[in-house]
Amino acid sequence: MAIIDARTLPDASLLEADLVIIGGGLAGITLARELAGGPLKVVVLESGGREIEPETQALYAGACVQKADGAKDRPLHDYPAQSRIRALGGSGHVWGGKCGPLDPADFAERSWIPYSGWPVSREAMQPFYDRACDLMEIDRFPLERPKAEDPNLQPLALDVRDGFFPAPRVFARISGRADRPAFDRFRTQFAEAPNIDVYLYANVVRIRRERNTITGLDIACLDGKRHTAKAKRYVLATGGIENVRLLLASNNLGNRHDLVGRFFQGHVTYSNDSDTQREGSAFTASRAEPLDLYAPAQRYGPHCVIGAGLPAQKRMKTGNFTATLFRANFSSADATIAAETQTIAAASAQLDKGKARTNLLGFFAMTEHFPNPESRITLDPDQKDALGVPRIRLDWAHGRKDYADLEKSIDGLANALGASGEGRLCWSLRRDELLAASSASRHHMGTTRMHRDPKQGVVDANGRLHEADNLYVAGSSVFPTSGIVNPTLTILALTIRLADHLKSEKKAA
C-alpha cells in the first residue's frame, strides 16, 4: 500500500502483519513481489532509504582478514562496508547484472569435497530458475544448452571426456548500474499492492523468541525512535553477512550447534598482468574465427565462460572452476607487452602451421571456495554501531585444497586445449602469490547453510531455521556450496521457491 519512513511514526509504534520480511534487498523485494496482491498482509523492513546514505552505510562497518595457507594475512577492513549496500534495493544498486544458474555439479554431493551436497537438485530448481529469469527479463537457461547455429558462436572443440564445457552467462538490465529506471520500478512498484507496506529507516536490532517461536522484532531508527513488529511468520533477508550478525546478536539464535557464521564462502578472481619479468595470464586460440561465444564484442551480450563440469571435477578430484575470456586491446599496450604478445602468438601458431592468424585474449580464473568451518563471521562485543549492535569480524579463510584445485584445474584446462589443438594458456602466478593477486567479489555465501540435519545446517531444505518454527532465512547465506557464477539468479530462484512454500503453508493453515 505504501512506502513509509519509519522515522515519521509515533515513537514505540507496533507494526503488525501476517509476514514480516527483514531486509529490502533483491531477496526481500522478490519475496514481497511474489506475495503482492495475495491474502497475506506483508510488511518489509528496510534499514536504509531509497538511496545510498553514508550514515546508514556506516552501520555495515566491521573488520575482515583474508587468510590462506602459506601466505601472509591480508587485511580487508573496508570490505564489510564496501561490499554491500544498505538501501531499498540492496546491493542491486551496484550489481552489474550478471546472471547464470549454478551447475548441476554444484548441487551434487562430491565425496572429494567435504560438506558438499544440497538438499535440492538442479533439476528440481529448474522451474524456479525459469521464473527468476522471467523476473529479470532475460532468456531462460535450459538444463541442456541448445547448439548454436551462428558460426561465430561455436564452442571450443574440447573432448567431452575432459569435462570442460561452455557455461552460459547473461547480463540483466534490472540493476542500478545497467538501467536505473527499470531498477527503480522493480524496487518500488510492488509496494502499490494493497497487502504490502514497506518501512524505510527501520533497523531490526533484535529478534525475540519464546522457546521455538519468534514473538517479535525490535526496530531502531538512527533518530532515536524505537518500534516493534509482530507477525505470524518472519523471513530474514539481510544478506550473507548481516543475516549472521542479527542471529548472533539475538542471543545466538539458531546457533545451538555453533554453525551460524561458519562456512563463509566468497568468490575471488585470479589473474596477473604482464610486466618486464614475465607474461600475464592469457589465452591464445589456434582458430582464426572470432571467439564471440566466450568474448563478445559487447560486454552485456549473452556469452559463455569455460566451466569444469562434473566429469572434469571427478577425474581431477577438484571443485568447480571457470576461465573467463575477454578481449584485450594489445595494440595500445607498451612495447614490452606488445613484444610478449607477439611471442605468445608465435608459439601458438605452431599449433596449426596452416593458420597464420591467432586470437589472443586475456583471461581470469575462478575456483570454487570450499566450505570451511574456520572461514567464519563472529561478533566483536567491544565494537558496536550507532544502534548498539556489535560489529562483525570476518575471518575469510582459504584452505590448501582451494589453491591446489585452482592449479590442477588450470593445468587440466591447458592440457585439454593443447590436446584438442584449440589453443594455449599462459599462467605464471605462483601459489604463494595467489592471495595477494586475488580480487574479492561482493558475494557472501554459506553462513546459514541449508541442510536437512540440524547438526550440519542452520536452516532446513525450505530455508526455515531449525531452531524456530516461524522464521525463514533467504539469500545466499543458505548456500551449502558456492559454485562459481554470480549468486543473484540462484538467490531469486530460491526466494521464489520459498514464496511458494509460504503460500502453501497459508492454505494448509
Protein backbone atom coordinates (compact mmCIF):
# COMPACT_ATOMS: atom_id res chain seq x y z
CA MET A 1 0.00 0.00 0.00
CA ALA A 2 2.80 2.39 0.76
CA ILE A 3 6.47 3.14 1.30
CA ILE A 4 6.71 4.76 4.74
CA ASP A 5 9.56 6.48 6.57
CA ALA A 6 9.68 4.76 9.98
CA ARG A 7 11.11 7.95 11.49
CA THR A 8 7.75 9.68 10.89
CA LEU A 9 5.85 7.14 13.00
CA PRO A 10 4.96 7.90 16.63
CA ASP A 11 7.62 6.51 18.93
CA ALA A 12 7.02 2.93 20.09
CA SER A 13 4.70 2.11 17.18
CA LEU A 14 3.58 -1.51 16.73
CA LEU A 15 3.70 -2.88 13.18
CA GLU A 16 1.57 -5.99 12.71
CA ALA A 17 1.30 -8.33 9.76
CA ASP A 18 0.92 -11.94 8.69
CA LEU A 19 4.52 -11.92 7.44
CA VAL A 20 7.41 -9.59 8.14
CA ILE A 21 10.34 -9.54 5.72
CA ILE A 22 13.52 -8.22 7.32
CA GLY A 23 15.52 -6.59 4.53
CA GLY A 24 14.57 -4.76 1.35
CA GLY A 25 17.30 -6.05 -0.95
CA LEU A 26 16.78 -8.19 -4.04
CA ALA A 27 15.72 -11.24 -1.99
CA GLY A 28 13.28 -9.34 0.22
CA ILE A 29 11.79 -7.45 -2.72
CA THR A 30 11.42 -10.62 -4.80
CA LEU A 31 9.59 -12.35 -1.94
CA ALA A 32 7.27 -9.35 -1.49
CA ARG A 33 6.62 -9.20 -5.24
CA GLU A 34 5.65 -12.89 -5.24
CA LEU A 35 3.19 -12.25 -2.39
CA ALA A 36 1.83 -8.93 -3.70
CA GLY A 37 -1.92 -8.93 -4.24
CA GLY A 38 -2.38 -12.09 -2.18
CA PRO A 39 -4.20 -12.74 1.11
CA LEU A 40 -1.18 -12.24 3.35
CA LYS A 41 -0.58 -8.84 4.90
CA VAL A 42 3.16 -8.27 4.36
CA VAL A 43 5.50 -5.75 5.98
CA VAL A 44 9.00 -5.15 4.60
CA LEU A 45 11.54 -3.56 6.96
CA GLU A 46 14.45 -1.83 5.24
CA SER A 47 17.32 -0.25 7.16
CA GLY A 48 18.08 2.45 4.61
CA GLY A 49 16.21 4.88 2.42
CA ARG A 50 15.67 4.96 -1.32
CA GLU A 51 19.25 5.99 -2.00
CA ILE A 52 22.67 5.21 -0.52
CA GLU A 53 23.41 7.39 2.53
CA PRO A 54 26.73 7.47 4.45
CA GLU A 55 25.18 7.42 7.92
CA THR A 56 23.20 4.26 7.19
CA GLN A 57 26.00 2.66 5.20
CA ALA A 58 28.32 3.13 8.22
CA LEU A 59 26.23 0.56 10.13
CA TYR A 60 27.92 -2.08 7.95
CA ALA A 61 31.46 -1.27 9.09
CA GLY A 62 33.46 -4.13 10.56
CA ALA A 63 36.75 -5.99 10.29
CA CYS A 64 37.90 -8.51 7.70
CA VAL A 65 41.10 -10.51 7.27
CA GLN A 66 41.70 -12.83 4.32
CA LYS A 67 43.84 -15.86 5.10
CA ALA A 68 45.46 -18.68 3.15
CA ASP A 69 47.95 -21.43 3.83
CA GLY A 70 51.49 -20.28 3.10
CA ALA A 71 50.55 -16.62 2.62
CA LYS A 72 50.68 -13.52 4.75
CA ASP A 73 47.31 -12.45 6.15
CA ARG A 74 45.64 -9.82 4.02
CA PRO A 75 43.62 -7.16 5.92
CA LEU A 76 40.46 -6.09 4.07
CA HIS A 77 38.82 -3.97 6.74
CA ASP A 78 36.91 -1.83 4.22
CA TYR A 79 35.30 -4.94 2.73
CA PRO A 80 32.32 -5.33 5.12
CA ALA A 81 31.02 -1.84 4.27
CA GLN A 82 32.16 -1.60 0.65
CA SER A 83 30.86 -4.99 -0.49
CA ARG A 84 27.16 -4.36 0.16
CA ILE A 85 24.56 -1.58 0.07
CA ARG A 86 22.13 -0.69 2.86
CA ALA A 87 19.24 0.92 0.95
CA LEU A 88 16.00 -0.14 -0.72
CA GLY A 89 17.15 -2.46 -3.49
CA GLY A 90 20.23 -3.55 -1.54
CA SER A 91 23.33 -4.41 -3.49
CA GLY A 92 21.23 -4.30 -6.65
CA HIS A 93 22.30 -0.63 -6.71
CA VAL A 94 25.83 -1.67 -7.68
CA TRP A 95 25.27 -5.19 -9.08
CA GLY A 96 26.44 -5.42 -12.67
CA GLY A 97 23.51 -7.67 -13.63
CA LYS A 98 25.43 -10.87 -14.41
CA CYS A 99 23.13 -13.91 -14.31
CA GLY A 100 23.60 -17.63 -14.62
CA PRO A 101 22.38 -20.75 -12.84
CA LEU A 102 24.52 -22.94 -10.66
CA ASP A 103 25.80 -26.02 -12.48
CA PRO A 104 24.33 -29.49 -11.74
CA ALA A 105 27.69 -30.37 -10.18
CA ASP A 106 27.23 -27.62 -7.59
CA PHE A 107 24.18 -29.35 -6.16
CA ALA A 108 25.80 -32.80 -6.09
CA GLU A 109 27.38 -34.44 -3.09
CA ARG A 110 31.00 -34.89 -4.18
CA SER A 111 32.91 -37.32 -1.98
CA TRP A 112 36.20 -35.45 -2.51
CA ILE A 113 34.70 -32.17 -1.22
CA PRO A 114 33.77 -32.11 2.48
CA TYR A 115 30.36 -30.58 3.31
CA SER A 116 29.22 -30.68 -0.33
CA GLY A 117 25.69 -31.51 -1.46
CA TRP A 118 22.42 -29.56 -1.47
CA PRO A 119 19.07 -30.90 -0.22
CA VAL A 120 17.60 -29.88 -3.58
CA SER A 121 18.71 -30.88 -7.08
CA ARG A 122 19.45 -28.73 -10.11
CA GLU A 123 16.54 -30.39 -11.91
CA ALA A 124 14.14 -29.50 -9.08
CA MET A 125 15.35 -25.88 -9.24
CA GLN A 126 14.64 -25.53 -12.98
CA PRO A 127 11.10 -24.09 -12.72
CA PHE A 128 12.28 -21.55 -10.15
CA TYR A 129 15.26 -20.56 -12.30
CA ASP A 130 12.80 -20.08 -15.18
CA ARG A 131 10.64 -17.74 -13.08
CA ALA A 132 13.71 -15.86 -11.84
CA CYS A 133 14.79 -15.31 -15.45
CA ASP A 134 11.32 -14.01 -16.29
CA LEU A 135 11.56 -11.65 -13.32
CA MET A 136 14.90 -10.32 -14.57
CA GLU A 137 13.54 -10.14 -18.14
CA ILE A 138 16.25 -12.39 -19.58
CA ASP A 139 16.16 -15.59 -21.62
CA ARG A 140 15.80 -18.78 -19.63
CA PHE A 141 18.68 -21.21 -19.07
CA PRO A 142 17.62 -24.72 -20.15
CA LEU A 143 19.15 -27.74 -18.48
CA GLU A 144 20.50 -28.85 -21.86
CA ARG A 145 22.12 -25.98 -23.72
CA PRO A 146 20.98 -25.83 -27.37
CA LYS A 147 23.57 -25.89 -30.13
CA ALA A 148 24.33 -22.54 -31.73
CA GLU A 149 23.84 -22.16 -35.47
CA ASP A 150 25.92 -19.00 -35.82
CA PRO A 151 29.48 -19.95 -36.95
CA ASN A 152 30.89 -17.17 -34.74
CA LEU A 153 29.24 -18.68 -31.66
CA GLN A 154 30.69 -22.18 -31.87
CA PRO A 155 32.24 -23.59 -28.68
CA LEU A 156 35.82 -24.72 -28.41
CA ALA A 157 36.11 -28.30 -29.65
CA LEU A 158 37.16 -29.82 -26.35
CA ASP A 159 36.79 -33.55 -25.90
CA VAL A 160 33.63 -34.14 -23.86
CA ARG A 161 35.60 -36.63 -21.76
CA ASP A 162 37.72 -33.74 -20.49
CA GLY A 163 34.57 -32.33 -18.90
CA PHE A 164 35.15 -28.67 -19.79
CA PHE A 165 32.07 -27.01 -21.29
CA PRO A 166 30.67 -23.58 -22.26
CA ALA A 167 28.77 -22.31 -19.20
CA PRO A 168 26.25 -19.59 -20.19
CA ARG A 169 26.08 -16.12 -18.70
CA VAL A 170 23.92 -13.09 -19.50
CA PHE A 171 23.57 -9.56 -18.14
CA ALA A 172 20.15 -8.37 -16.93
CA ARG A 173 19.19 -4.75 -17.30
CA ILE A 174 17.34 -4.64 -13.97
CA SER A 175 20.24 -3.36 -11.91
CA GLY A 176 21.29 0.03 -10.65
CA ARG A 177 24.30 0.01 -12.97
CA ALA A 178 22.52 -1.07 -16.15
CA ASP A 179 19.07 0.53 -16.38
CA ARG A 180 18.29 2.79 -13.45
CA PRO A 181 14.63 3.48 -14.34
CA ALA A 182 13.94 -0.26 -14.73
CA PHE A 183 15.66 -0.96 -11.41
CA ASP A 184 13.69 1.79 -9.65
CA ARG A 185 10.41 0.34 -10.92
CA PHE A 186 11.46 -3.13 -9.77
CA ARG A 187 12.22 -1.97 -6.24
CA THR A 188 9.21 0.29 -5.67
CA GLN A 189 6.14 -0.66 -7.74
CA PHE A 190 5.39 -3.83 -5.74
CA ALA A 191 4.59 -1.59 -2.74
CA GLU A 192 1.49 -0.36 -4.57
CA ALA A 193 -0.20 -3.71 -3.82
CA PRO A 194 -2.90 -3.33 -1.14
CA ASN A 195 -1.36 -6.01 1.10
CA ILE A 196 2.23 -4.61 1.14
CA ASP A 197 3.77 -1.95 3.40
CA VAL A 198 7.46 -1.03 3.18
CA TYR A 199 9.10 0.81 6.07
CA LEU A 200 12.36 2.65 5.39
CA TYR A 201 15.00 3.55 8.02
CA ALA A 202 13.66 0.63 10.09
CA ASN A 203 16.66 -1.26 11.50
CA VAL A 204 15.88 -4.60 13.12
CA VAL A 205 18.32 -4.85 16.04
CA ARG A 206 16.95 -7.92 17.82
CA ILE A 207 14.76 -10.93 17.09
CA ARG A 208 12.80 -12.05 20.15
CA ARG A 209 11.67 -15.60 20.80
CA GLU A 210 9.99 -17.78 23.37
CA ARG A 211 11.16 -21.39 23.08
CA ASN A 212 10.87 -22.27 19.38
CA THR A 213 8.63 -19.38 18.37
CA ILE A 214 9.65 -15.91 17.23
CA THR A 215 7.49 -13.41 19.09
CA GLY A 216 8.59 -10.06 17.72
CA LEU A 217 11.26 -7.74 16.37
CA ASP A 218 12.91 -4.72 17.99
CA ILE A 219 13.28 -1.86 15.49
CA ALA A 220 15.57 1.14 15.90
CA CYS A 221 15.86 4.33 13.88
CA LEU A 222 19.00 6.43 13.81
CA ASP A 223 16.99 9.42 15.08
CA GLY A 224 16.39 7.55 18.36
CA LYS A 225 12.88 6.23 17.80
CA ARG A 226 12.11 2.62 18.67
CA HIS A 227 9.34 0.41 17.27
CA THR A 228 8.17 -3.20 17.39
CA ALA A 229 6.99 -5.58 14.69
CA LYS A 230 4.91 -8.71 15.23
CA ALA A 231 3.75 -11.35 12.77
CA LYS A 232 2.82 -14.99 12.44
CA ARG A 233 5.90 -15.65 10.33
CA TYR A 234 9.18 -13.87 9.59
CA VAL A 235 11.77 -14.00 6.82
CA LEU A 236 15.32 -12.82 7.43
CA ALA A 237 16.74 -11.46 4.16
CA THR A 238 19.56 -9.06 5.02
CA GLY A 239 22.44 -10.73 3.17
CA GLY A 240 25.13 -13.33 3.78
CA ILE A 241 26.88 -11.27 6.46
CA GLU A 242 24.04 -9.39 8.13
CA ASN A 243 21.83 -12.47 8.46
CA VAL A 244 24.54 -13.88 10.71
CA ARG A 245 25.02 -10.66 12.61
CA LEU A 246 21.36 -10.38 13.53
CA LEU A 247 21.03 -14.03 14.57
CA LEU A 248 24.12 -13.86 16.78
CA ALA A 249 23.06 -10.51 18.25
CA SER A 250 19.67 -12.07 19.10
CA ASN A 251 21.06 -14.25 21.88
CA ASN A 252 22.75 -16.70 19.47
CA LEU A 253 19.50 -17.55 17.73
CA GLY A 254 19.85 -20.70 15.61
CA ASN A 255 23.35 -21.39 16.89
CA ARG A 256 22.80 -24.44 19.09
CA HIS A 257 25.40 -26.40 17.10
CA ASP A 258 27.82 -23.47 16.63
CA LEU A 259 27.17 -23.24 12.87
CA VAL A 260 25.84 -19.70 12.45
CA GLY A 261 28.54 -17.64 10.75
CA ARG A 262 30.76 -20.59 9.81
CA PHE A 263 31.45 -21.78 6.25
CA PHE A 264 31.74 -18.28 4.80
CA GLN A 265 32.43 -18.58 1.09
CA GLY A 266 33.29 -15.72 -1.24
CA HIS A 267 34.16 -15.67 -4.90
CA VAL A 268 37.52 -14.26 -5.93
CA THR A 269 39.14 -13.91 -9.34
CA TYR A 270 42.76 -14.69 -10.13
CA SER A 271 44.86 -13.19 -12.92
CA ASN A 272 48.09 -11.33 -13.42
CA ASP A 273 49.24 -8.62 -15.79
CA SER A 274 52.34 -8.68 -17.91
CA ASP A 275 55.45 -6.93 -16.63
CA THR A 276 59.10 -6.81 -17.60
CA GLN A 277 59.80 -10.09 -15.82
CA ARG A 278 57.09 -12.40 -17.09
CA GLU A 279 53.98 -12.77 -19.17
CA GLY A 280 50.48 -12.25 -17.84
CA SER A 281 47.53 -14.61 -17.81
CA ALA A 282 46.34 -15.03 -21.39
CA PHE A 283 44.66 -17.45 -23.77
CA THR A 284 45.64 -17.78 -27.40
CA ALA A 285 43.39 -19.74 -29.74
CA SER A 286 44.59 -21.53 -32.81
CA ARG A 287 41.37 -20.86 -34.73
CA ALA A 288 41.14 -17.70 -36.75
CA GLU A 289 37.39 -17.26 -36.33
CA PRO A 290 36.24 -14.80 -33.66
CA LEU A 291 35.51 -16.34 -30.26
CA ASP A 292 32.33 -14.33 -29.83
CA LEU A 293 30.74 -17.06 -27.73
CA TYR A 294 33.33 -16.50 -24.99
CA ALA A 295 34.37 -12.88 -25.53
CA PRO A 296 31.51 -10.91 -27.11
CA ALA A 297 32.27 -7.50 -28.56
CA GLN A 298 29.54 -6.03 -26.35
CA ARG A 299 30.07 -6.67 -22.63
CA TYR A 300 26.36 -7.04 -21.92
CA GLY A 301 25.73 -9.63 -24.62
CA PRO A 302 24.98 -13.29 -23.79
CA HIS A 303 28.18 -15.29 -23.63
CA CYS A 304 29.84 -18.29 -22.02
CA VAL A 305 32.75 -18.95 -19.73
CA ILE A 306 34.74 -22.19 -19.82
CA GLY A 307 33.45 -24.31 -16.97
CA ALA A 308 34.58 -27.55 -15.37
CA GLY A 309 31.65 -29.97 -15.32
CA LEU A 310 31.19 -32.92 -13.00
CA PRO A 311 33.21 -35.31 -15.25
CA ALA A 312 36.21 -32.97 -15.07
CA GLN A 313 35.83 -32.44 -11.35
CA LYS A 314 35.51 -36.15 -10.67
CA ARG A 315 38.53 -37.00 -12.81
CA MET A 316 40.76 -34.31 -11.31
CA LYS A 317 39.19 -34.56 -7.80
CA THR A 318 38.67 -30.81 -7.86
CA GLY A 319 35.82 -28.38 -7.33
CA ASN A 320 34.14 -26.07 -9.79
CA PHE A 321 36.30 -23.82 -11.93
CA THR A 322 35.79 -21.26 -14.69
CA ALA A 323 38.03 -19.38 -17.08
CA THR A 324 36.54 -16.11 -18.30
CA LEU A 325 37.95 -14.81 -21.57
CA PHE A 326 37.93 -11.15 -22.53
CA ARG A 327 39.11 -9.01 -25.39
CA ALA A 328 42.30 -7.11 -24.70
CA ASN A 329 43.40 -4.05 -26.64
CA PHE A 330 47.02 -5.05 -27.06
CA SER A 331 47.52 -2.52 -29.88
CA SER A 332 47.64 0.28 -27.33
CA ALA A 333 49.97 -1.52 -24.92
CA ASP A 334 53.54 -0.54 -24.34
CA ALA A 335 56.41 -2.03 -26.30
CA THR A 336 57.26 -4.64 -23.67
CA ILE A 337 53.76 -6.07 -23.54
CA ALA A 338 53.47 -5.93 -27.30
CA ALA A 339 56.69 -7.92 -27.65
CA GLU A 340 55.44 -10.53 -25.17
CA THR A 341 52.16 -10.74 -27.06
CA GLN A 342 53.98 -11.48 -30.28
CA THR A 343 55.98 -14.21 -28.53
CA ILE A 344 52.84 -15.92 -27.22
CA ALA A 345 51.10 -15.60 -30.59
CA ALA A 346 54.09 -17.04 -32.44
CA ALA A 347 54.23 -20.02 -30.11
CA SER A 348 50.51 -20.60 -30.51
CA ALA A 349 50.80 -20.50 -34.30
CA GLN A 350 52.83 -23.71 -34.11
CA LEU A 351 49.63 -25.49 -33.07
CA ASP A 352 48.43 -25.23 -36.65
CA LYS A 353 51.02 -24.06 -39.17
CA GLY A 354 48.29 -23.77 -41.76
CA LYS A 355 46.81 -20.81 -39.90
CA ALA A 356 48.70 -17.57 -39.80
CA ARG A 357 46.16 -15.76 -37.60
CA THR A 358 45.58 -16.29 -33.89
CA ASN A 359 43.10 -14.97 -31.35
CA LEU A 360 44.84 -13.62 -28.28
CA LEU A 361 42.59 -12.95 -25.30
CA GLY A 362 43.00 -12.15 -21.66
CA PHE A 363 41.51 -14.48 -19.08
CA PHE A 364 40.90 -14.67 -15.38
CA ALA A 365 40.26 -17.79 -13.35
CA MET A 366 37.77 -18.51 -10.60
CA THR A 367 37.72 -21.59 -8.43
CA GLU A 368 35.10 -22.81 -6.01
CA HIS A 369 35.73 -21.61 -2.46
CA PHE A 370 35.16 -24.75 -0.45
CA PRO A 371 33.02 -24.85 2.71
CA ASN A 372 35.41 -24.36 5.60
CA PRO A 373 34.20 -24.11 9.21
CA GLU A 374 37.19 -21.89 10.05
CA SER A 375 36.10 -19.33 7.47
CA ARG A 376 33.60 -17.52 9.63
CA ILE A 377 31.83 -14.41 10.87
CA THR A 378 31.81 -13.56 14.57
CA LEU A 379 30.73 -10.55 16.61
CA ASP A 380 33.11 -8.12 18.29
CA PRO A 381 31.47 -7.19 21.62
CA ASP A 382 33.89 -4.28 22.04
CA GLN A 383 32.91 -2.62 18.74
CA LYS A 384 29.30 -1.51 18.29
CA ASP A 385 27.48 0.55 15.69
CA ALA A 386 25.40 3.66 16.29
CA LEU A 387 22.41 1.49 17.25
CA GLY A 388 24.36 -0.56 19.79
CA VAL A 389 24.64 -3.73 17.70
CA PRO A 390 28.07 -5.45 17.84
CA ARG A 391 30.07 -5.15 14.63
CA ILE A 392 31.27 -8.19 12.73
CA ARG A 393 34.65 -9.71 12.18
CA LEU A 394 35.12 -11.81 9.06
CA ASP A 395 37.96 -14.33 9.03
CA TRP A 396 37.91 -15.28 5.36
CA ALA A 397 39.95 -18.47 5.14
CA HIS A 398 41.21 -20.30 2.05
CA GLY A 399 42.38 -23.84 2.67
CA ARG A 400 45.19 -25.68 0.93
CA LYS A 401 42.69 -27.50 -1.29
CA ASP A 402 41.31 -24.20 -2.62
CA TYR A 403 44.63 -23.28 -4.22
CA ALA A 404 45.71 -26.81 -5.10
CA ASP A 405 42.45 -27.28 -7.00
CA LEU A 406 42.88 -23.97 -8.81
CA GLU A 407 46.27 -25.09 -10.09
CA LYS A 408 45.01 -28.56 -11.04
CA SER A 409 42.05 -27.05 -12.89
CA ILE A 410 44.20 -24.62 -14.86
CA ASP A 411 46.56 -27.46 -15.71
CA GLY A 412 43.62 -29.65 -16.75
CA LEU A 413 42.17 -26.96 -19.00
CA ALA A 414 45.57 -26.23 -20.52
CA ASN A 415 46.02 -29.93 -21.31
CA ALA A 416 42.53 -30.14 -22.82
CA LEU A 417 43.17 -27.10 -25.03
CA GLY A 418 46.51 -28.46 -26.16
CA ALA A 419 45.21 -31.97 -26.84
CA SER A 420 42.36 -30.61 -28.92
CA GLY A 421 44.59 -28.21 -30.85
CA GLU A 422 42.35 -25.33 -29.82
CA GLY A 423 44.90 -23.14 -28.07
CA ARG A 424 47.29 -22.47 -25.21
CA LEU A 425 47.07 -20.90 -21.77
CA CYS A 426 49.67 -18.69 -20.18
CA TRP A 427 49.64 -18.72 -16.36
CA SER A 428 52.54 -17.51 -14.27
CA LEU A 429 51.23 -16.98 -10.73
CA ARG A 430 52.95 -18.97 -8.00
CA ARG A 431 50.85 -20.37 -5.17
CA ASP A 432 52.34 -18.02 -2.61
CA GLU A 433 51.22 -15.08 -4.78
CA LEU A 434 47.61 -16.13 -5.23
CA LEU A 435 46.12 -14.42 -2.18
CA ALA A 436 47.77 -11.07 -2.92
CA ALA A 437 46.81 -11.29 -6.60
CA SER A 438 43.17 -12.19 -5.98
CA SER A 439 40.29 -9.77 -6.38
CA ALA A 440 37.37 -10.14 -3.95
CA SER A 441 33.74 -10.19 -5.10
CA ARG A 442 30.66 -8.94 -3.27
CA HIS A 443 29.32 -12.49 -2.92
CA HIS A 444 28.75 -13.63 0.68
CA MET A 445 27.61 -17.25 0.93
CA GLY A 446 27.25 -20.27 3.19
CA THR A 447 26.97 -18.71 6.64
CA THR A 448 23.49 -20.09 7.49
CA ARG A 449 23.85 -23.21 5.36
CA MET A 450 20.94 -25.37 4.28
CA HIS A 451 20.87 -28.99 5.43
CA ARG A 452 18.21 -31.48 6.47
CA ASP A 453 20.22 -32.37 9.61
CA PRO A 454 20.19 -29.62 12.30
CA LYS A 455 23.68 -30.71 13.32
CA GLN A 456 25.00 -29.90 9.84
CA GLY A 457 22.97 -26.86 8.83
CA VAL A 458 21.27 -23.77 10.23
CA VAL A 459 18.14 -23.96 8.06
CA ASP A 460 16.20 -26.84 6.52
CA ALA A 461 15.54 -27.51 2.82
CA ASN A 462 12.83 -24.81 2.78
CA GLY A 463 15.01 -22.20 4.47
CA ARG A 464 13.30 -22.48 7.86
CA LEU A 465 15.54 -22.05 10.87
CA HIS A 466 15.92 -25.43 12.58
CA GLU A 467 15.50 -23.77 15.97
CA ALA A 468 12.38 -21.73 15.22
CA ASP A 469 9.09 -22.82 13.72
CA ASN A 470 8.18 -19.43 12.17
CA LEU A 471 11.47 -17.87 10.97
CA TYR A 472 12.91 -18.41 7.50
CA VAL A 473 16.19 -17.22 6.00
CA ALA A 474 16.53 -16.06 2.40
CA GLY A 475 19.60 -15.24 0.35
CA SER A 476 22.98 -16.76 -0.44
CA SER A 477 23.78 -17.38 3.23
CA VAL A 478 21.78 -20.62 2.86
CA PHE A 479 24.00 -21.95 0.04
CA PRO A 480 25.79 -25.15 1.16
CA THR A 481 28.44 -24.65 -1.54
CA SER A 482 29.38 -21.58 -3.55
CA GLY A 483 29.70 -22.70 -7.16
CA ILE A 484 31.27 -20.06 -9.39
CA VAL A 485 28.55 -17.97 -11.01
CA ASN A 486 27.25 -14.72 -9.52
CA PRO A 487 24.74 -15.91 -6.87
CA THR A 488 21.94 -13.44 -7.66
CA LEU A 489 19.87 -15.62 -10.00
CA THR A 490 20.02 -18.53 -7.54
CA ILE A 491 19.04 -16.19 -4.69
CA LEU A 492 15.99 -15.12 -6.68
CA ALA A 493 15.11 -18.72 -7.63
CA LEU A 494 15.34 -19.90 -4.01
CA THR A 495 13.28 -16.91 -2.87
CA ILE A 496 10.53 -17.70 -5.39
CA ARG A 497 10.63 -21.30 -4.14
CA LEU A 498 10.26 -20.00 -0.57
CA ALA A 499 7.29 -17.83 -1.62
CA ASP A 500 5.52 -20.90 -2.98
CA HIS A 501 6.20 -22.71 0.30
CA LEU A 502 4.79 -19.85 2.35
CA LYS A 503 1.68 -19.76 0.18
CA SER A 504 1.18 -23.50 0.62
CA GLU A 505 1.57 -23.16 4.39
CA LYS A 506 -1.09 -20.46 4.41
CA LYS A 507 -3.52 -22.72 2.51
CA ALA A 508 -2.84 -25.61 4.88
CA ALA A 509 -3.35 -23.49 7.99
